[in-house]
Every structure is written in C-alpha cells, then in structure tokens.
N, C-alpha and C. Protein backbone atom coordinates (compact mmCIF):
# COMPACT_ATOMS: atom_id res chain seq x y z
N MET A 1 -132.35 25.69 -62.11
CA MET A 1 -131.67 24.92 -60.99
C MET A 1 -130.47 26.46 -60.05
N THR A 2 -130.53 26.24 -59.62
CA THR A 2 -129.96 27.82 -58.72
C THR A 2 -128.67 26.79 -58.08
N HIS A 3 -128.67 25.21 -57.72
CA HIS A 3 -127.38 25.16 -56.99
C HIS A 3 -127.46 23.29 -57.36
N ARG A 4 -126.20 23.23 -56.99
CA ARG A 4 -125.83 21.82 -57.55
C ARG A 4 -126.09 20.78 -56.34
N THR A 5 -126.35 19.54 -56.17
CA THR A 5 -126.38 18.57 -54.73
C THR A 5 -125.69 17.34 -55.41
N GLU A 6 -125.13 17.07 -54.59
CA GLU A 6 -124.51 15.51 -54.69
C GLU A 6 -124.89 14.82 -54.53
N PRO A 7 -125.45 13.62 -54.96
CA PRO A 7 -125.89 12.10 -54.63
C PRO A 7 -125.92 11.66 -53.65
N ARG A 8 -127.13 11.52 -53.12
CA ARG A 8 -126.99 10.75 -51.54
C ARG A 8 -125.59 9.04 -51.57
N LYS A 9 -124.94 9.39 -50.35
CA LYS A 9 -123.99 7.97 -50.84
C LYS A 9 -125.21 6.90 -50.44
N THR A 10 -125.07 5.74 -51.05
CA THR A 10 -125.30 4.35 -51.03
C THR A 10 -124.78 3.98 -49.63
N ALA A 11 -125.31 2.78 -49.09
CA ALA A 11 -124.68 2.21 -47.71
C ALA A 11 -123.04 1.90 -48.04
N PRO A 12 -123.00 0.86 -49.30
CA PRO A 12 -120.98 0.59 -48.81
C PRO A 12 -120.44 1.54 -49.62
N ASP A 13 -120.87 2.63 -50.03
CA ASP A 13 -119.81 3.76 -50.16
C ASP A 13 -119.94 4.10 -48.53
N THR A 14 -120.76 4.21 -47.68
CA THR A 14 -120.39 4.99 -46.63
C THR A 14 -119.61 4.00 -45.22
N ALA A 15 -119.34 2.80 -45.70
CA ALA A 15 -118.99 1.52 -45.34
C ALA A 15 -117.30 1.84 -45.65
N ASP A 16 -116.97 1.86 -46.67
CA ASP A 16 -115.19 1.93 -47.30
C ASP A 16 -115.43 3.41 -47.24
N ALA A 17 -115.58 4.35 -46.65
CA ALA A 17 -115.25 5.44 -45.55
C ALA A 17 -114.47 5.36 -44.59
N ALA A 18 -116.00 4.98 -44.07
CA ALA A 18 -115.35 4.70 -42.70
C ALA A 18 -113.94 3.64 -42.06
N ALA A 19 -114.29 2.51 -42.63
CA ALA A 19 -112.58 2.13 -43.42
C ALA A 19 -111.54 2.43 -43.33
N LEU A 20 -111.65 3.31 -44.52
CA LEU A 20 -110.26 4.26 -44.43
C LEU A 20 -110.54 5.55 -43.38
N ARG A 21 -111.24 6.31 -42.46
CA ARG A 21 -111.30 6.74 -41.86
C ARG A 21 -110.56 6.27 -40.33
N ARG A 22 -110.71 5.27 -40.09
CA ARG A 22 -110.22 4.25 -39.33
C ARG A 22 -109.38 3.82 -39.30
N ASP A 23 -108.94 3.69 -40.48
CA ASP A 23 -107.42 3.36 -40.84
C ASP A 23 -106.42 4.21 -41.33
N ARG A 24 -106.85 5.24 -41.16
CA ARG A 24 -106.07 6.70 -40.76
C ARG A 24 -105.87 7.16 -39.97
N PHE A 25 -107.01 7.42 -38.94
CA PHE A 25 -107.16 7.59 -37.70
C PHE A 25 -107.34 6.79 -36.49
N GLY A 26 -107.57 5.97 -36.69
CA GLY A 26 -107.98 4.93 -35.73
C GLY A 26 -106.96 4.80 -34.16
N THR A 27 -105.54 5.50 -34.24
CA THR A 27 -105.01 5.14 -33.24
C THR A 27 -104.34 6.52 -33.37
N LEU A 28 -104.38 7.21 -31.60
CA LEU A 28 -103.72 8.38 -31.44
C LEU A 28 -101.97 7.67 -31.80
N PRO A 29 -101.18 9.60 -32.65
CA PRO A 29 -99.82 9.24 -32.20
C PRO A 29 -99.58 9.10 -30.90
N GLU A 30 -98.24 8.27 -31.04
CA GLU A 30 -97.56 8.11 -29.43
C GLU A 30 -97.33 9.40 -28.73
N ARG A 31 -97.74 9.22 -27.93
CA ARG A 31 -97.24 10.40 -26.89
C ARG A 31 -95.96 10.64 -25.81
N ILE A 32 -95.90 11.99 -26.61
CA ILE A 32 -94.77 12.75 -26.09
C ILE A 32 -94.53 13.30 -25.12
N ARG A 33 -93.43 13.54 -24.13
CA ARG A 33 -93.32 14.13 -22.77
C ARG A 33 -93.30 15.39 -22.64
N PRO A 34 -93.65 15.85 -21.89
CA PRO A 34 -93.09 17.37 -22.10
C PRO A 34 -92.00 17.45 -21.69
N GLU A 35 -91.22 16.43 -21.26
CA GLU A 35 -89.58 17.29 -21.09
C GLU A 35 -88.80 16.67 -22.48
N ASP A 36 -89.70 16.70 -23.19
CA ASP A 36 -89.01 15.92 -24.38
C ASP A 36 -89.38 17.24 -25.31
N THR A 37 -90.33 18.34 -25.46
CA THR A 37 -90.22 18.87 -26.28
C THR A 37 -90.14 20.21 -26.13
N VAL A 38 -89.13 20.28 -25.41
CA VAL A 38 -87.68 21.87 -24.18
C VAL A 38 -86.42 21.47 -24.57
N GLU A 39 -85.52 21.83 -24.72
CA GLU A 39 -84.02 22.06 -25.13
C GLU A 39 -84.01 23.20 -24.13
N THR A 40 -83.01 23.08 -23.19
CA THR A 40 -82.12 23.68 -22.58
C THR A 40 -80.63 23.92 -22.52
N ARG A 41 -80.28 25.40 -23.67
CA ARG A 41 -78.96 25.23 -23.21
C ARG A 41 -78.72 26.83 -22.33
N PRO A 42 -77.12 26.97 -22.87
CA PRO A 42 -76.67 28.52 -22.21
C PRO A 42 -77.26 29.20 -23.49
N ALA A 43 -76.88 30.54 -23.63
CA ALA A 43 -77.38 31.02 -24.76
C ALA A 43 -75.89 32.02 -24.97
N THR A 44 -74.56 31.92 -23.91
CA THR A 44 -73.37 31.90 -24.37
C THR A 44 -72.89 30.95 -23.93
N LEU A 45 -71.45 30.56 -24.33
CA LEU A 45 -70.61 29.55 -23.46
C LEU A 45 -69.56 29.90 -22.70
N PRO A 46 -70.23 29.48 -21.13
CA PRO A 46 -69.11 29.97 -20.45
C PRO A 46 -67.85 30.24 -20.45
N ASP A 47 -67.32 31.28 -19.50
CA ASP A 47 -65.82 31.85 -19.68
C ASP A 47 -65.59 31.82 -18.32
N PRO A 48 -64.26 30.81 -18.10
CA PRO A 48 -64.20 30.82 -16.71
C PRO A 48 -62.83 32.01 -16.54
N ALA A 49 -62.50 32.47 -17.31
CA ALA A 49 -61.59 33.54 -16.86
C ALA A 49 -62.36 34.92 -16.31
N ARG A 50 -63.56 34.89 -16.86
CA ARG A 50 -64.70 35.91 -16.77
C ARG A 50 -65.46 36.26 -15.30
N ASP A 51 -65.38 34.02 -15.06
CA ASP A 51 -66.60 33.85 -14.24
C ASP A 51 -65.65 33.29 -13.06
N ARG A 52 -64.56 33.20 -12.71
CA ARG A 52 -63.66 32.56 -12.09
C ARG A 52 -64.40 33.74 -10.75
N TYR A 53 -64.14 33.39 -9.91
CA TYR A 53 -64.62 34.53 -8.14
C TYR A 53 -63.10 34.31 -7.19
N HIS A 54 -62.96 35.62 -6.97
CA HIS A 54 -61.86 36.12 -5.89
C HIS A 54 -62.47 36.66 -5.20
N ALA A 55 -61.70 36.08 -3.99
CA ALA A 55 -62.74 36.29 -2.66
C ALA A 55 -62.27 38.01 -2.10
N ASP A 56 -60.59 38.42 -2.61
CA ASP A 56 -60.30 39.52 -2.27
C ASP A 56 -60.27 40.19 -3.03
N GLU A 57 -60.69 40.09 -4.86
CA GLU A 57 -60.47 41.58 -5.74
C GLU A 57 -61.34 42.55 -5.38
N TRP A 58 -62.34 42.62 -4.26
CA TRP A 58 -62.39 44.06 -4.21
C TRP A 58 -61.35 44.65 -3.20
N LEU A 59 -60.31 44.30 -2.58
CA LEU A 59 -59.40 44.66 -1.93
C LEU A 59 -58.09 45.46 -3.18
N VAL A 60 -58.49 44.82 -3.63
CA VAL A 60 -57.50 45.39 -5.27
C VAL A 60 -58.19 46.48 -6.02
N ARG A 61 -59.74 46.27 -5.80
CA ARG A 61 -60.17 47.85 -6.81
C ARG A 61 -60.47 49.07 -6.22
N TYR A 62 -60.79 48.78 -4.49
CA TYR A 62 -60.85 49.91 -4.11
C TYR A 62 -60.13 49.85 -3.09
N CYS A 63 -58.74 49.37 -2.66
CA CYS A 63 -57.91 49.97 -1.57
C CYS A 63 -56.78 49.92 -1.64
N GLY A 64 -56.74 49.30 -3.04
CA GLY A 64 -55.38 49.69 -3.38
C GLY A 64 -54.76 50.46 -4.28
C-alpha cells in the first residue's frame, strides 16, 4: 500500500461536525468602526514658550 486513506465519515459524524462549525462560526464578530481602529496624538508635547507667536519678533531679530 503506497498511502493511507481515512475511512469515510458517516452521516452522523458529518452532522456533528456541521453543528460544531455552526456553533463556532455561525455568527460574525461585532463590527469595529474605522474611527476605533486609529489613535491620533501629538508626537511631542506642545511647548507654550516655543509655539508662542510674537508679531514684532522679526523687528528684534533683524532691525535691532
């Protein structure tokens, strides 16, 4: 004999397997919204001293 074959499944075995499959895979998992799959946050914390805008800063830098 060159290879082994498994015996054919009988109808009750197939029905049991179908019931097990239905119990395990019978319903789809709960839907996940795309908004819940992405987290956004700044790469660095904001620095108020650095990010502060001063309208006359160019005067101090270039005309002083």
